[in-house]
């Protein structure tokens, strides 16, 4: 799924996330700084880092807080199979 393309299709975006694009943007303003603060000092496994992470890796599959939030919302809503997430 392409997050940026789905933003242009509001009905499909709503069906996948249960949020309108404007609501998603409002949630993103709170999610992005919270994610950055947490991820700076913790790994994805929840362990505390010895040194803070300074930036996202260029090879990140879920690059950007908006894509991460979209992935989380669609996963939580649909409890999807791996095939759905890979589409």
PDB file of N, CA and C in Angstrom:
ATOM      1  N   UNK A   1       0.840  -1.174   0.000  1.00  0.00           N
ATOM      2  CA  UNK A   1       0.000   0.000   0.000  1.00  0.00           C
ATOM      3  C   UNK A   1       0.887   1.239   0.000  1.00  0.00           C
ATOM      4  N   UNK A   2       0.497   2.196  -0.769  1.00  0.00           N
ATOM      5  CA  UNK A   2       1.244   3.444  -0.858  1.00  0.00           C
ATOM      6  C   UNK A   2       0.487   4.527  -0.093  1.00  0.00           C
ATOM      7  N   UNK A   3       1.029   4.902   1.044  1.00  0.00           N
ATOM      8  CA  UNK A   3       0.374   5.879   1.917  1.00  0.00           C
ATOM      9  C   UNK A   3       0.085   7.185   1.186  1.00  0.00           C
ATOM     10  N   UNK A   4       1.052   7.690   0.468  1.00  0.00           N
ATOM     11  CA  UNK A   4       0.882   8.996  -0.187  1.00  0.00           C
ATOM     12  C   UNK A   4      -0.181   8.950  -1.283  1.00  0.00           C
ATOM     13  N   UNK A   5      -0.293   7.849  -1.977  1.00  0.00           N
ATOM     14  CA  UNK A   5      -1.334   7.707  -3.000  1.00  0.00           C
ATOM     15  C   UNK A   5      -2.711   7.561  -2.352  1.00  0.00           C
ATOM     16  N   UNK A   6      -2.780   6.867  -1.233  1.00  0.00           N
ATOM     17  CA  UNK A   6      -4.063   6.676  -0.557  1.00  0.00           C
ATOM     18  C   UNK A   6      -4.592   7.966   0.059  1.00  0.00           C
ATOM     19  N   UNK A   7      -3.716   8.897   0.393  1.00  0.00           N
ATOM     20  CA  UNK A   7      -4.176  10.199   0.907  1.00  0.00           C
ATOM     21  C   UNK A   7      -5.043  10.919  -0.119  1.00  0.00           C
ATOM     22  N   UNK A   8      -4.819  10.626  -1.384  1.00  0.00           N
ATOM     23  CA  UNK A   8      -5.583  11.259  -2.465  1.00  0.00           C
ATOM     24  C   UNK A   8      -6.942  10.595  -2.667  1.00  0.00           C
ATOM     25  N   UNK A   9      -7.176   9.460  -2.018  1.00  0.00           N
ATOM     26  CA  UNK A   9      -8.452   8.745  -2.117  1.00  0.00           C
ATOM     27  C   UNK A   9      -9.078   8.673  -0.722  1.00  0.00           C
ATOM     28  N   UNK A  10      -9.799   9.723  -0.323  1.00  0.00           N
ATOM     29  CA  UNK A  10     -10.294   9.828   1.055  1.00  0.00           C
ATOM     30  C   UNK A  10     -11.184   8.671   1.509  1.00  0.00           C
ATOM     31  N   UNK A  11     -12.013   8.140   0.629  1.00  0.00           N
ATOM     32  CA  UNK A  11     -12.912   7.050   1.042  1.00  0.00           C
ATOM     33  C   UNK A  11     -12.117   5.787   1.376  1.00  0.00           C
ATOM     34  N   UNK A  12     -11.138   5.485   0.558  1.00  0.00           N
ATOM     35  CA  UNK A  12     -10.315   4.305   0.817  1.00  0.00           C
ATOM     36  C   UNK A  12      -9.434   4.528   2.055  1.00  0.00           C
ATOM     37  N   UNK A  13      -8.928   5.740   2.220  1.00  0.00           N
ATOM     38  CA  UNK A  13      -8.126   6.085   3.398  1.00  0.00           C
ATOM     39  C   UNK A  13      -8.951   5.889   4.668  1.00  0.00           C
ATOM     40  N   UNK A  14     -10.190   6.349   4.636  1.00  0.00           N
ATOM     41  CA  UNK A  14     -11.098   6.198   5.772  1.00  0.00           C
ATOM     42  C   UNK A  14     -11.383   4.721   6.052  1.00  0.00           C
ATOM     43  N   UNK A  15     -11.583   3.941   5.006  1.00  0.00           N
ATOM     44  CA  UNK A  15     -11.864   2.516   5.176  1.00  0.00           C
ATOM     45  C   UNK A  15     -10.682   1.770   5.797  1.00  0.00           C
ATOM     46  N   UNK A  16      -9.482   2.178   5.459  1.00  0.00           N
ATOM     47  CA  UNK A  16      -8.297   1.487   5.968  1.00  0.00           C
ATOM     48  C   UNK A  16      -7.903   1.911   7.376  1.00  0.00           C
ATOM     49  N   UNK A  17      -8.114   3.184   7.714  1.00  0.00           N
ATOM     50  CA  UNK A  17      -7.614   3.699   8.994  1.00  0.00           C
ATOM     51  C   UNK A  17      -8.708   4.084   9.983  1.00  0.00           C
ATOM     52  N   UNK A  18      -9.931   4.208   9.531  1.00  0.00           N
ATOM     53  CA  UNK A  18     -11.059   4.722  10.328  1.00  0.00           C
ATOM     54  C   UNK A  18     -10.907   6.199  10.652  1.00  0.00           C
ATOM     55  N   UNK A  19     -10.027   6.883   9.957  1.00  0.00           N
ATOM     56  CA  UNK A  19      -9.823   8.317  10.157  1.00  0.00           C
ATOM     57  C   UNK A  19      -9.917   9.048   8.826  1.00  0.00           C
ATOM     58  N   UNK A  20     -10.478  10.247   8.874  1.00  0.00           N
ATOM     59  CA  UNK A  20     -10.406  11.124   7.711  1.00  0.00           C
ATOM     60  C   UNK A  20      -8.983  11.657   7.626  1.00  0.00           C
ATOM     61  N   UNK A  21      -8.598  12.135   6.466  1.00  0.00           N
ATOM     62  CA  UNK A  21      -7.235  12.627   6.273  1.00  0.00           C
ATOM     63  C   UNK A  21      -6.926  13.755   7.256  1.00  0.00           C
ATOM     64  N   UNK A  22      -7.869  14.662   7.484  1.00  0.00           N
ATOM     65  CA  UNK A  22      -7.649  15.772   8.422  1.00  0.00           C
ATOM     66  C   UNK A  22      -7.456  15.250   9.849  1.00  0.00           C
ATOM     67  N   UNK A  23      -8.215  14.230  10.230  1.00  0.00           N
ATOM     68  CA  UNK A  23      -8.060  13.639  11.563  1.00  0.00           C
ATOM     69  C   UNK A  23      -6.703  12.951  11.696  1.00  0.00           C
ATOM     70  N   UNK A  24      -6.296  12.289  10.621  1.00  0.00           N
ATOM     71  CA  UNK A  24      -4.983  11.646  10.604  1.00  0.00           C
ATOM     72  C   UNK A  24      -3.885  12.687  10.794  1.00  0.00           C
ATOM     73  N   UNK A  25      -4.011  13.809  10.098  1.00  0.00           N
ATOM     74  CA  UNK A  25      -3.009  14.874  10.219  1.00  0.00           C
ATOM     75  C   UNK A  25      -2.959  15.433  11.637  1.00  0.00           C
ATOM     76  N   UNK A  26      -4.119  15.572  12.273  1.00  0.00           N
ATOM     77  CA  UNK A  26      -4.152  16.033  13.666  1.00  0.00           C
ATOM     78  C   UNK A  26      -3.456  15.033  14.593  1.00  0.00           C
ATOM     79  N   UNK A  27      -3.731  13.757  14.388  1.00  0.00           N
ATOM     80  CA  UNK A  27      -3.093  12.724  15.199  1.00  0.00           C
ATOM     81  C   UNK A  27      -1.587  12.687  14.947  1.00  0.00           C
ATOM     82  N   UNK A  28      -1.207  12.916  13.714  1.00  0.00           N
ATOM     83  CA  UNK A  28       0.210  12.900  13.351  1.00  0.00           C
ATOM     84  C   UNK A  28       0.992  13.993  14.070  1.00  0.00           C
ATOM     85  N   UNK A  29       0.363  15.149  14.314  1.00  0.00           N
ATOM     86  CA  UNK A  29       1.070  16.230  15.009  1.00  0.00           C
ATOM     87  C   UNK A  29       1.441  15.825  16.438  1.00  0.00           C
ATOM     88  N   UNK A  30       0.685  14.928  17.041  1.00  0.00           N
ATOM     89  CA  UNK A  30       1.033  14.432  18.379  1.00  0.00           C
ATOM     90  C   UNK A  30       1.935  13.197  18.298  1.00  0.00           C
ATOM     91  N   UNK A  31       1.703  12.347  17.294  1.00  0.00           N
ATOM     92  CA  UNK A  31       2.449  11.096  17.175  1.00  0.00           C
ATOM     93  C   UNK A  31       3.908  11.325  16.802  1.00  0.00           C
ATOM     94  N   UNK A  32       4.158  12.206  15.848  1.00  0.00           N
ATOM     95  CA  UNK A  32       5.517  12.390  15.326  1.00  0.00           C
ATOM     96  C   UNK A  32       6.517  12.778  16.422  1.00  0.00           C
ATOM     97  N   UNK A  33       6.253  13.822  17.216  1.00  0.00           N
ATOM     98  CA  UNK A  33       7.238  14.156  18.252  1.00  0.00           C
ATOM     99  C   UNK A  33       7.357  13.078  19.335  1.00  0.00           C
ATOM    100  N   UNK A  34       6.251  12.425  19.659  1.00  0.00           N
ATOM    101  CA  UNK A  34       6.298  11.366  20.671  1.00  0.00           C
ATOM    102  C   UNK A  34       7.135  10.185  20.172  1.00  0.00           C
ATOM    103  N   UNK A  35       6.950   9.830  18.900  1.00  0.00           N
ATOM    104  CA  UNK A  35       7.739   8.737  18.318  1.00  0.00           C
ATOM    105  C   UNK A  35       9.212   9.097  18.300  1.00  0.00           C
ATOM    106  N   UNK A  36       9.533  10.312  17.879  1.00  0.00           N
ATOM    107  CA  UNK A  36      10.932  10.733  17.800  1.00  0.00           C
ATOM    108  C   UNK A  36      11.587  10.714  19.183  1.00  0.00           C
ATOM    109  N   UNK A  37      10.884  11.202  20.194  1.00  0.00           N
ATOM    110  CA  UNK A  37      11.428  11.197  21.558  1.00  0.00           C
ATOM    111  C   UNK A  37      11.686   9.772  22.040  1.00  0.00           C
ATOM    112  N   UNK A  38      10.713   8.900  21.821  1.00  0.00           N
ATOM    113  CA  UNK A  38      10.846   7.520  22.297  1.00  0.00           C
ATOM    114  C   UNK A  38      11.930   6.777  21.519  1.00  0.00           C
ATOM    115  N   UNK A  39      11.890   6.866  20.198  1.00  0.00           N
ATOM    116  CA  UNK A  39      12.814   6.098  19.369  1.00  0.00           C
ATOM    117  C   UNK A  39      14.252   6.594  19.518  1.00  0.00           C
ATOM    118  N   UNK A  40      14.410   7.831  19.867  1.00  0.00           N
ATOM    119  CA  UNK A  40      15.764   8.369  20.063  1.00  0.00           C
ATOM    120  C   UNK A  40      16.493   7.607  21.175  1.00  0.00           C
ATOM    121  N   UNK A  41      15.778   7.196  22.206  1.00  0.00           N
ATOM    122  CA  UNK A  41      16.408   6.558  23.365  1.00  0.00           C
ATOM    123  C   UNK A  41      16.074   5.080  23.520  1.00  0.00           C
ATOM    124  N   UNK A  42      15.196   4.510  22.673  1.00  0.00           N
ATOM    125  CA  UNK A  42      14.808   3.102  22.804  1.00  0.00           C
ATOM    126  C   UNK A  42      14.873   2.401  21.450  1.00  0.00           C
ATOM    127  N   UNK A  43      15.209   1.117  21.482  1.00  0.00           N
ATOM    128  CA  UNK A  43      15.188   0.315  20.264  1.00  0.00           C
ATOM    129  C   UNK A  43      13.756  -0.147  20.014  1.00  0.00           C
ATOM    130  N   UNK A  44      13.519  -0.776  18.867  1.00  0.00           N
ATOM    131  CA  UNK A  44      12.185  -1.306  18.582  1.00  0.00           C
ATOM    132  C   UNK A  44      11.829  -2.447  19.531  1.00  0.00           C
ATOM    133  N   UNK A  45      12.828  -3.092  20.083  1.00  0.00           N
ATOM    134  CA  UNK A  45      12.591  -4.160  21.056  1.00  0.00           C
ATOM    135  C   UNK A  45      12.283  -3.600  22.443  1.00  0.00           C
ATOM    136  N   UNK A  46      12.385  -2.280  22.602  1.00  0.00           N
ATOM    137  CA  UNK A  46      12.066  -1.644  23.873  1.00  0.00           C
ATOM    138  C   UNK A  46      13.253  -1.451  24.798  1.00  0.00           C
ATOM    139  N   UNK A  47      14.436  -1.863  24.355  1.00  0.00           N
ATOM    140  CA  UNK A  47      15.627  -1.696  25.188  1.00  0.00           C
ATOM    141  C   UNK A  47      16.139  -0.262  25.088  1.00  0.00           C
ATOM    142  N   UNK A  48      16.682   0.219  26.193  1.00  0.00           N
ATOM    143  CA  UNK A  48      17.217   1.578  26.218  1.00  0.00           C
ATOM    144  C   UNK A  48      18.553   1.618  25.477  1.00  0.00           C
ATOM    145  N   UNK A  49      18.721   2.619  24.637  1.00  0.00           N
ATOM    146  CA  UNK A  49      19.974   2.792  23.897  1.00  0.00           C
ATOM    147  C   UNK A  49      21.039   3.397  24.810  1.00  0.00           C
ATOM    148  N   UNK A  50      22.298   3.049  24.563  1.00  0.00           N
ATOM    149  CA  UNK A  50      23.391   3.663  25.315  1.00  0.00           C
ATOM    150  C   UNK A  50      23.645   5.079  24.818  1.00  0.00           C
ATOM    151  N   UNK A  51      23.478   5.264  23.521  1.00  0.00           N
ATOM    152  CA  UNK A  51      23.661   6.575  22.908  1.00  0.00           C
ATOM    153  C   UNK A  51      22.411   6.887  22.094  1.00  0.00           C
ATOM    154  N   UNK A  52      21.991   8.120  22.053  1.00  0.00           N
ATOM    155  CA  UNK A  52      20.764   8.440  21.308  1.00  0.00           C
ATOM    156  C   UNK A  52      20.935   8.255  19.803  1.00  0.00           C
ATOM    157  N   UNK A  53      19.883   7.809  19.169  1.00  0.00           N
ATOM    158  CA  UNK A  53      19.858   7.725  17.705  1.00  0.00           C
ATOM    159  C   UNK A  53      19.604   9.134  17.187  1.00  0.00           C
ATOM    160  N   UNK A  54      20.383   9.572  16.226  1.00  0.00           N
ATOM    161  CA  UNK A  54      20.277  10.954  15.771  1.00  0.00           C
ATOM    162  C   UNK A  54      19.336  11.141  14.595  1.00  0.00           C
ATOM    163  N   UNK A  55      19.173  10.120  13.782  1.00  0.00           N
ATOM    164  CA  UNK A  55      18.301  10.264  12.614  1.00  0.00           C
ATOM    165  C   UNK A  55      17.868   8.885  12.125  1.00  0.00           C
ATOM    166  N   UNK A  56      16.886   8.917  11.288  1.00  0.00           N
ATOM    167  CA  UNK A  56      16.380   7.678  10.698  1.00  0.00           C
ATOM    168  C   UNK A  56      17.363   7.189   9.639  1.00  0.00           C
ATOM    169  N   UNK A  57      17.517   5.910   9.558  1.00  0.00           N
ATOM    170  CA  UNK A  57      18.432   5.351   8.556  1.00  0.00           C
ATOM    171  C   UNK A  57      17.858   5.541   7.160  1.00  0.00           C
ATOM    172  N   UNK A  58      18.726   5.780   6.184  1.00  0.00           N
ATOM    173  CA  UNK A  58      18.231   5.975   4.812  1.00  0.00           C
ATOM    174  C   UNK A  58      17.596   4.726   4.210  1.00  0.00           C
ATOM    175  N   UNK A  59      17.891   3.572   4.764  1.00  0.00           N
ATOM    176  CA  UNK A  59      17.329   2.323   4.241  1.00  0.00           C
ATOM    177  C   UNK A  59      16.058   1.901   4.969  1.00  0.00           C
ATOM    178  N   UNK A  60      15.512   2.763   5.795  1.00  0.00           N
ATOM    179  CA  UNK A  60      14.313   2.421   6.570  1.00  0.00           C
ATOM    180  C   UNK A  60      13.141   2.103   5.647  1.00  0.00           C
ATOM    181  N   UNK A  61      12.474   1.008   5.922  1.00  0.00           N
ATOM    182  CA  UNK A  61      11.320   0.603   5.116  1.00  0.00           C
ATOM    183  C   UNK A  61      10.139   1.525   5.392  1.00  0.00           C
ATOM    184  N   UNK A  62       9.929   1.857   6.650  1.00  0.00           N
ATOM    185  CA  UNK A  62       8.853   2.774   7.031  1.00  0.00           C
ATOM    186  C   UNK A  62       9.476   4.140   7.314  1.00  0.00           C
ATOM    187  N   UNK A  63       9.842   4.824   6.269  1.00  0.00           N
ATOM    188  CA  UNK A  63      10.526   6.110   6.406  1.00  0.00           C
ATOM    189  C   UNK A  63       9.518   7.221   6.667  1.00  0.00           C
ATOM    190  N   UNK A  64       9.689   7.914   7.762  1.00  0.00           N
ATOM    191  CA  UNK A  64       8.818   9.031   8.094  1.00  0.00           C
ATOM    192  C   UNK A  64       7.760   8.649   9.112  1.00  0.00           C
ATOM    193  N   UNK A  65       7.447   9.581   9.983  1.00  0.00           N
ATOM    194  CA  UNK A  65       6.442   9.328  11.022  1.00  0.00           C
ATOM    195  C   UNK A  65       5.063   9.106  10.429  1.00  0.00           C
ATOM    196  N   UNK A  66       4.757   9.777   9.317  1.00  0.00           N
ATOM    197  CA  UNK A  66       3.445   9.610   8.700  1.00  0.00           C
ATOM    198  C   UNK A  66       3.235   8.187   8.198  1.00  0.00           C
ATOM    199  N   UNK A  67       4.251   7.609   7.598  1.00  0.00           N
ATOM    200  CA  UNK A  67       4.147   6.241   7.092  1.00  0.00           C
ATOM    201  C   UNK A  67       4.053   5.251   8.254  1.00  0.00           C
ATOM    202  N   UNK A  68       4.801   5.503   9.317  1.00  0.00           N
ATOM    203  CA  UNK A  68       4.737   4.634  10.495  1.00  0.00           C
ATOM    204  C   UNK A  68       3.337   4.652  11.110  1.00  0.00           C
ATOM    205  N   UNK A  69       2.775   5.835  11.278  1.00  0.00           N
ATOM    206  CA  UNK A  69       1.442   5.949  11.856  1.00  0.00           C
ATOM    207  C   UNK A  69       0.406   5.273  10.965  1.00  0.00           C
ATOM    208  N   UNK A  70       0.495   5.469   9.659  1.00  0.00           N
ATOM    209  CA  UNK A  70      -0.428   4.825   8.728  1.00  0.00           C
ATOM    210  C   UNK A  70      -0.336   3.304   8.847  1.00  0.00           C
ATOM    211  N   UNK A  71       0.871   2.784   8.896  1.00  0.00           N
ATOM    212  CA  UNK A  71       1.059   1.342   9.035  1.00  0.00           C
ATOM    213  C   UNK A  71       0.429   0.834  10.328  1.00  0.00           C
ATOM    214  N   UNK A  72       0.683   1.522  11.431  1.00  0.00           N
ATOM    215  CA  UNK A  72       0.123   1.098  12.718  1.00  0.00           C
ATOM    216  C   UNK A  72      -1.399   1.101  12.704  1.00  0.00           C
ATOM    217  N   UNK A  73      -1.987   2.144  12.156  1.00  0.00           N
ATOM    218  CA  UNK A  73      -3.450   2.237  12.136  1.00  0.00           C
ATOM    219  C   UNK A  73      -4.082   1.165  11.257  1.00  0.00           C
ATOM    220  N   UNK A  74      -3.505   0.925  10.085  1.00  0.00           N
ATOM    221  CA  UNK A  74      -4.076  -0.101   9.207  1.00  0.00           C
ATOM    222  C   UNK A  74      -3.878  -1.488   9.805  1.00  0.00           C
ATOM    223  N   UNK A  75      -2.746  -1.718  10.426  1.00  0.00           N
ATOM    224  CA  UNK A  75      -2.508  -3.018  11.050  1.00  0.00           C
ATOM    225  C   UNK A  75      -3.476  -3.244  12.208  1.00  0.00           C
ATOM    226  N   UNK A  76      -3.628  -2.247  13.049  1.00  0.00           N
ATOM    227  CA  UNK A  76      -4.519  -2.401  14.195  1.00  0.00           C
ATOM    228  C   UNK A  76      -5.975  -2.542  13.773  1.00  0.00           C
ATOM    229  N   UNK A  77      -6.361  -1.871  12.705  1.00  0.00           N
ATOM    230  CA  UNK A  77      -7.759  -1.946  12.274  1.00  0.00           C
ATOM    231  C   UNK A  77      -8.073  -3.292  11.637  1.00  0.00           C
ATOM    232  N   UNK A  78      -7.215  -3.756  10.768  1.00  0.00           N
ATOM    233  CA  UNK A  78      -7.553  -4.952   9.999  1.00  0.00           C
ATOM    234  C   UNK A  78      -6.953  -6.233  10.564  1.00  0.00           C
ATOM    235  N   UNK A  79      -5.983  -6.121  11.486  1.00  0.00           N
ATOM    236  CA  UNK A  79      -5.285  -7.295  12.000  1.00  0.00           C
ATOM    237  C   UNK A  79      -4.929  -8.195  10.823  1.00  0.00           C
ATOM    238  N   UNK A  80      -4.268  -7.589   9.886  1.00  0.00           N
ATOM    239  CA  UNK A  80      -4.100  -8.150   8.551  1.00  0.00           C
ATOM    240  C   UNK A  80      -3.143  -9.330   8.475  1.00  0.00           C
ATOM    241  N   UNK A  81      -3.306 -10.081   7.413  1.00  0.00           N
ATOM    242  CA  UNK A  81      -2.370 -11.135   7.072  1.00  0.00           C
ATOM    243  C   UNK A  81      -1.128 -10.505   6.456  1.00  0.00           C
ATOM    244  N   UNK A  82      -0.056 -11.235   6.423  1.00  0.00           N
ATOM    245  CA  UNK A  82       1.183 -10.701   5.862  1.00  0.00           C
ATOM    246  C   UNK A  82       1.010 -10.310   4.399  1.00  0.00           C
ATOM    247  N   UNK A  83       0.182 -11.030   3.669  1.00  0.00           N
ATOM    248  CA  UNK A  83      -0.012 -10.712   2.261  1.00  0.00           C
ATOM    249  C   UNK A  83      -0.623  -9.326   2.091  1.00  0.00           C
ATOM    250  N   UNK A  84      -1.524  -8.962   2.987  1.00  0.00           N
ATOM    251  CA  UNK A  84      -2.164  -7.648   2.908  1.00  0.00           C
ATOM    252  C   UNK A  84      -1.147  -6.541   3.147  1.00  0.00           C
ATOM    253  N   UNK A  85      -0.282  -6.692   4.135  1.00  0.00           N
ATOM    254  CA  UNK A  85       0.703  -5.663   4.446  1.00  0.00           C
ATOM    255  C   UNK A  85       1.756  -5.551   3.349  1.00  0.00           C
ATOM    256  N   UNK A  86       2.017  -6.624   2.648  1.00  0.00           N
ATOM    257  CA  UNK A  86       3.019  -6.597   1.590  1.00  0.00           C
ATOM    258  C   UNK A  86       2.478  -6.021   0.288  1.00  0.00           C
ATOM    259  N   UNK A  87       1.168  -5.897   0.163  1.00  0.00           N
ATOM    260  CA  UNK A  87       0.569  -5.413  -1.092  1.00  0.00           C
ATOM    261  C   UNK A  87       0.897  -3.966  -1.366  1.00  0.00           C
TER     262      UNK A  87
END
